[in-house]
């Protein structure tokens, strides 16, 4: 199997058009903090940021470790960075049981990067096989809302415990292919626990869902 990378650039050079945009983008951020004088803090965030694709998503060399099951993983070197507008309201406070932070956020993402699967015929040793090609693509535009909670406490003087959870709901409102439209939602949770022993020794546990 060989990786073929072609576009309009001469001599086989891979070009990303966002490097040559005539108009520069501006990414401002605004933060407003309100101290309730004893009942916690409220923070409001409004800003724009960029999320560039990571190396694994850009690598055009096929991963054929799943060849026996007709499955190939391959990156996309022509991915554009995500353009993100984000607003968030968060509340934080030190309680009798520990520290609590809760956030509600909304994101509007253009050129959203997500997984994309296509079925393609590939010729191997003169025979044609149907392969599932799993890659990455700029899906289009999406609207995402979510809720994040963080809680840190000390059940015992030598025991530190932290819980973190994030629920999100994402709607794809524009897409380059019809099967990329739709909604997705999910939850991610994490727990870290650290117990301090004698002689500066520690026992740590980590779990996530």
Protein backbone atom coordinates (compact mmCIF):
# COMPACT_ATOMS: atom_id res chain seq x y z
CA UNK A 1 0.00 0.00 0.00
CA UNK A 2 1.27 3.51 -0.81
CA UNK A 3 0.17 6.93 0.36
CA UNK A 4 -0.75 9.34 -2.41
CA UNK A 5 -0.77 13.04 -1.54
CA UNK A 6 -1.78 15.35 -4.37
CA UNK A 7 -3.31 18.79 -4.76
CA UNK A 8 -2.79 21.89 -6.92
CA UNK A 9 0.66 22.67 -5.55
CA UNK A 10 3.60 22.08 -7.94
CA UNK A 11 6.24 19.38 -7.56
CA UNK A 12 4.18 17.36 -5.09
CA UNK A 13 4.47 19.98 -2.34
CA UNK A 14 1.68 19.88 0.25
CA UNK A 15 0.17 23.34 0.68
CA UNK A 16 -2.26 24.44 3.36
CA UNK A 17 -4.25 27.40 2.12
CA UNK A 18 -4.65 28.94 5.59
CA UNK A 19 -0.92 29.74 5.59
CA UNK A 20 -1.43 32.08 2.65
CA UNK A 21 -4.63 33.89 3.65
CA UNK A 22 -4.44 37.58 2.65
CA UNK A 23 -6.40 38.78 5.69
CA UNK A 24 -4.98 37.91 9.12
CA UNK A 25 -7.36 36.59 11.77
CA UNK A 26 -7.73 38.25 15.16
CA UNK A 27 -8.29 36.11 18.27
CA UNK A 28 -9.43 38.35 21.16
CA UNK A 29 -10.45 37.18 24.64
CA UNK A 30 -12.57 38.95 27.26
CA UNK A 31 -12.83 37.89 30.90
CA UNK A 32 -15.08 39.43 33.58
CA UNK A 33 -14.73 38.31 37.21
CA UNK A 34 -17.23 39.07 39.98
CA UNK A 35 -16.39 38.37 43.63
CA UNK A 36 -19.51 37.78 45.75
CA UNK A 37 -17.53 38.51 48.94
CA UNK A 38 -17.90 35.15 50.63
CA UNK A 39 -20.29 33.22 48.40
CA UNK A 40 -17.85 32.36 45.63
CA UNK A 41 -16.74 33.88 42.34
CA UNK A 42 -18.53 34.25 39.01
CA UNK A 43 -16.53 34.46 35.77
CA UNK A 44 -17.72 35.29 32.28
CA UNK A 45 -15.54 34.44 29.28
CA UNK A 46 -16.01 35.45 25.66
CA UNK A 47 -13.36 34.85 23.02
CA UNK A 48 -12.13 33.38 19.78
CA UNK A 49 -9.37 30.81 19.47
CA UNK A 50 -7.74 28.45 16.99
CA UNK A 51 -7.33 24.70 17.30
CA UNK A 52 -4.75 23.27 14.91
CA UNK A 53 -4.85 19.59 13.87
CA UNK A 54 -2.48 17.25 15.69
CA UNK A 55 0.26 15.17 14.08
CA UNK A 56 -1.64 11.86 14.01
CA UNK A 57 -4.59 13.47 12.18
CA UNK A 58 -2.24 14.93 9.51
CA UNK A 59 -0.06 11.87 8.83
CA UNK A 60 -0.91 10.64 5.28
CA UNK A 61 0.93 7.32 5.66
CA UNK A 62 -1.68 4.53 6.03
CA UNK A 63 -1.71 2.45 9.20
CA UNK A 64 -2.26 -1.09 7.88
CA UNK A 65 -2.21 -2.87 11.24
CA UNK A 66 -5.93 -3.64 10.66
CA UNK A 67 -5.43 -4.82 7.07
CA UNK A 68 -6.62 -8.34 7.86
CA UNK A 69 -10.05 -6.95 8.78
CA UNK A 70 -10.13 -4.64 5.70
CA UNK A 71 -9.66 -1.55 7.86
CA UNK A 72 -7.11 1.25 7.34
CA UNK A 73 -6.35 4.32 9.44
CA UNK A 74 -4.98 7.31 7.53
CA UNK A 75 -4.46 11.00 8.31
CA UNK A 76 -5.39 13.99 6.16
CA UNK A 77 -2.53 16.47 5.49
CA UNK A 78 -4.96 19.07 4.08
CA UNK A 79 -6.86 19.67 7.32
CA UNK A 80 -7.58 23.29 8.18
CA UNK A 81 -7.47 24.51 11.79
CA UNK A 82 -10.72 24.89 13.68
CA UNK A 83 -11.98 28.47 14.13
CA UNK A 84 -13.77 28.60 17.49
CA UNK A 85 -15.98 31.23 19.13
CA UNK A 86 -16.56 30.36 22.78
CA UNK A 87 -18.59 31.83 25.63
CA UNK A 88 -18.60 30.44 29.16
CA UNK A 89 -20.06 31.24 32.57
CA UNK A 90 -18.45 29.57 35.58
CA UNK A 91 -18.96 29.56 39.34
CA UNK A 92 -16.31 28.58 41.89
CA UNK A 93 -16.33 28.50 45.68
CA UNK A 94 -14.51 26.98 48.64
CA UNK A 95 -17.05 24.99 50.65
CA UNK A 96 -16.80 23.21 53.98
CA UNK A 97 -16.28 19.94 52.13
CA UNK A 98 -13.79 21.26 49.56
CA UNK A 99 -13.53 23.28 46.35
CA UNK A 100 -16.29 23.33 43.72
CA UNK A 101 -16.27 24.72 40.18
CA UNK A 102 -19.15 24.51 37.71
CA UNK A 103 -19.13 25.85 34.12
CA UNK A 104 -21.69 26.16 31.32
CA UNK A 105 -20.28 26.86 27.86
CA UNK A 106 -21.29 27.36 24.23
CA UNK A 107 -18.99 26.97 21.20
CA UNK A 108 -19.50 27.71 17.53
CA UNK A 109 -16.86 25.89 15.48
CA UNK A 110 -16.09 26.45 11.80
CA UNK A 111 -14.07 23.79 9.93
CA UNK A 112 -14.82 21.33 12.72
CA UNK A 113 -12.31 18.44 12.71
CA UNK A 114 -13.89 15.02 13.15
CA UNK A 115 -13.61 11.39 12.07
CA UNK A 116 -14.75 10.42 8.57
CA UNK A 117 -15.13 6.89 7.14
CA UNK A 118 -15.30 5.95 3.46
CA UNK A 119 -15.28 2.64 1.62
CA UNK A 120 -12.72 2.46 -1.20
CA UNK A 121 -11.48 -0.30 -3.52
CA UNK A 122 -7.75 -1.04 -3.16
CA UNK A 123 -5.75 -3.32 -5.45
CA UNK A 124 -3.28 -5.69 -3.75
CA UNK A 125 -1.25 -8.21 -5.76
CA UNK A 126 -3.58 -7.81 -8.73
CA UNK A 127 -6.77 -8.38 -6.72
CA UNK A 128 -9.28 -5.70 -5.68
CA UNK A 129 -10.50 -5.46 -2.09
CA UNK A 130 -13.04 -3.16 -0.40
CA UNK A 131 -11.45 -1.32 2.52
CA UNK A 132 -12.90 0.92 5.23
CA UNK A 133 -10.70 4.06 5.27
CA UNK A 134 -10.98 5.91 8.59
CA UNK A 135 -9.50 9.39 8.36
CA UNK A 136 -10.09 12.99 9.53
CA UNK A 137 -12.01 15.75 7.76
CA UNK A 138 -13.16 19.34 8.19
CA UNK A 139 -16.83 18.47 8.65
CA UNK A 140 -18.17 22.03 8.43
CA UNK A 141 -19.82 24.07 11.19
CA UNK A 142 -21.07 22.86 14.55
CA UNK A 143 -22.71 24.28 17.66
CA UNK A 144 -21.72 22.74 20.98
CA UNK A 145 -23.08 23.26 24.50
CA UNK A 146 -21.77 21.63 27.62
CA UNK A 147 -21.56 21.47 31.40
CA UNK A 148 -18.35 20.82 33.35
CA UNK A 149 -18.01 20.12 37.07
CA UNK A 150 -14.87 19.88 39.22
CA UNK A 151 -14.83 18.98 42.92
CA UNK A 152 -11.74 18.66 45.15
CA UNK A 153 -11.87 17.52 48.76
CA UNK A 154 -9.93 15.89 51.64
CA UNK A 155 -11.98 13.07 53.20
CA UNK A 156 -9.04 12.50 55.57
CA UNK A 157 -6.03 14.72 56.43
CA UNK A 158 -3.72 12.51 54.32
CA UNK A 159 -6.20 11.82 51.49
CA UNK A 160 -6.72 14.15 48.50
CA UNK A 161 -9.60 13.39 46.13
CA UNK A 162 -10.59 15.13 42.88
CA UNK A 163 -13.62 14.44 40.67
CA UNK A 164 -14.13 15.98 37.24
CA UNK A 165 -16.94 15.50 34.71
CA UNK A 166 -17.94 17.01 31.38
CA UNK A 167 -21.21 16.53 29.45
CA UNK A 168 -21.51 17.92 25.91
CA UNK A 169 -24.11 18.12 23.17
CA UNK A 170 -22.87 18.86 19.65
CA UNK A 171 -24.99 19.65 16.57
CA UNK A 172 -23.52 19.65 13.06
CA UNK A 173 -25.46 22.32 11.16
CA UNK A 174 -23.27 22.39 8.03
CA UNK A 175 -21.26 19.53 6.53
CA UNK A 176 -19.41 18.68 3.33
CA UNK A 177 -21.24 15.31 3.13
CA UNK A 178 -24.85 14.53 4.00
CA UNK A 179 -23.96 11.62 6.30
CA UNK A 180 -21.87 13.98 8.44
CA UNK A 181 -24.93 15.99 9.54
CA UNK A 182 -26.59 15.19 12.85
CA UNK A 183 -26.05 15.46 16.60
CA UNK A 184 -23.80 13.78 19.11
CA UNK A 185 -23.59 13.89 22.88
CA UNK A 186 -21.47 12.28 25.52
CA UNK A 187 -20.00 12.31 29.01
CA UNK A 188 -16.41 12.09 30.20
CA UNK A 189 -15.53 11.64 33.89
CA UNK A 190 -12.27 11.39 35.85
CA UNK A 191 -11.25 10.61 39.42
CA UNK A 192 -7.81 11.03 41.00
CA UNK A 193 -7.03 9.93 44.53
CA UNK A 194 -3.77 10.44 46.44
CA UNK A 195 -2.98 9.05 49.89
CA UNK A 196 0.13 10.29 51.70
CA UNK A 197 2.06 7.70 53.73
CA UNK A 198 5.05 7.92 56.05
CA UNK A 199 8.53 8.86 54.82
CA UNK A 200 7.11 11.03 52.00
CA UNK A 201 5.61 7.99 50.26
CA UNK A 202 2.34 8.23 48.32
CA UNK A 203 -0.25 5.94 46.77
CA UNK A 204 -2.14 7.37 43.79
CA UNK A 205 -5.16 6.01 41.94
CA UNK A 206 -6.60 7.28 38.67
CA UNK A 207 -9.75 6.29 36.82
CA UNK A 208 -11.77 7.72 33.96
CA UNK A 209 -14.98 6.89 32.14
